[in-house]
Protein backbone atom coordinates (compact mmCIF):
# COMPACT_ATOMS: atom_id res chain seq x y z
CA MET A 1 64.03 -2.19 103.42
CA ARG A 2 62.87 -0.87 99.49
CA LYS A 3 62.07 3.06 100.87
CA PHE A 4 65.58 3.41 102.23
CA VAL A 5 67.30 2.21 98.75
CA VAL A 6 65.13 4.71 96.78
CA SER A 7 65.57 7.34 99.57
CA LYS A 8 69.35 7.28 99.26
CA ASN A 9 69.18 6.84 95.55
CA ILE A 10 67.61 10.43 95.22
CA HIS A 11 70.25 11.50 97.52
CA ARG A 12 73.21 9.97 95.53
CA TYR A 13 71.42 11.31 92.33
CA ARG A 14 71.36 14.97 93.79
CA THR A 15 74.60 15.13 94.76
CA LEU A 16 75.92 14.04 91.58
CA LEU A 17 74.11 16.76 89.59
CA ALA A 18 75.33 19.39 92.04
CA SER A 19 78.89 18.64 90.55
CA GLU A 20 77.86 17.22 86.89
CA THR A 21 78.58 19.75 84.19
CA ASN A 22 78.36 17.37 81.20
CA PRO A 23 74.91 17.90 79.49
CA ALA A 24 74.47 13.91 78.69
CA ARG A 25 75.27 13.15 81.68
CA ARG A 26 73.10 15.42 83.60
CA ALA A 27 70.18 14.36 81.41
CA VAL A 28 71.16 10.78 82.54
CA ILE A 29 71.20 11.32 86.21
CA GLU A 30 67.68 13.59 85.89
CA ARG A 31 65.88 10.96 84.20
CA LEU A 32 67.18 8.55 87.17
CA LEU A 33 66.18 10.78 89.93
CA ALA A 34 62.86 11.53 87.86
CA GLU A 35 62.20 7.68 88.08
CA GLU A 36 63.28 7.08 92.06
CA GLN A 37 61.19 10.12 92.96
CA GLU A 38 58.10 8.48 90.93
CA ILE A 39 58.86 5.05 92.94
CA TRP A 40 59.23 7.27 96.05
CA ALA A 41 55.89 8.67 95.78
CA GLY A 42 54.24 5.43 95.11
CA LEU A 43 55.93 3.82 98.41
CA SER A 44 54.91 7.30 100.25
CA GLU A 45 50.75 7.43 98.65
CA ASP A 46 49.64 5.69 102.04
CA ALA A 47 48.07 8.08 104.03
CA GLY A 48 48.40 6.01 107.31
CA ASP A 49 52.14 5.18 106.66
CA PRO A 50 53.68 7.16 109.92
CA ASP A 51 56.95 7.48 107.57
CA ARG A 52 55.28 9.41 104.68
CA SER A 53 56.64 12.72 103.43
CA ASP A 54 56.66 14.49 100.30
CA GLU A 55 60.82 14.09 100.13
CA PRO A 56 62.74 11.06 101.37
CA ASP A 57 64.51 13.55 103.44
CA GLY A 58 61.48 14.37 105.23
CA SER A 59 61.59 17.78 103.51
CA ASP A 60 58.61 18.74 101.81
CA ARG A 61 60.26 20.65 98.66
CA SER A 62 57.07 21.83 97.00
């Protein structure tokens, strides 16, 4: 369940960043996105996890 919530948060923050123009708001959203991405990485560290990927949507953005 936690992975689902984190994945949805990442998606939402990316969507918000796509349209936000206010620098102060963008900074807050970018910080929140970075925090969720760190959580995602921690949740995905288990190499035996069949749902493991570098990105919540299953893509690898490296």
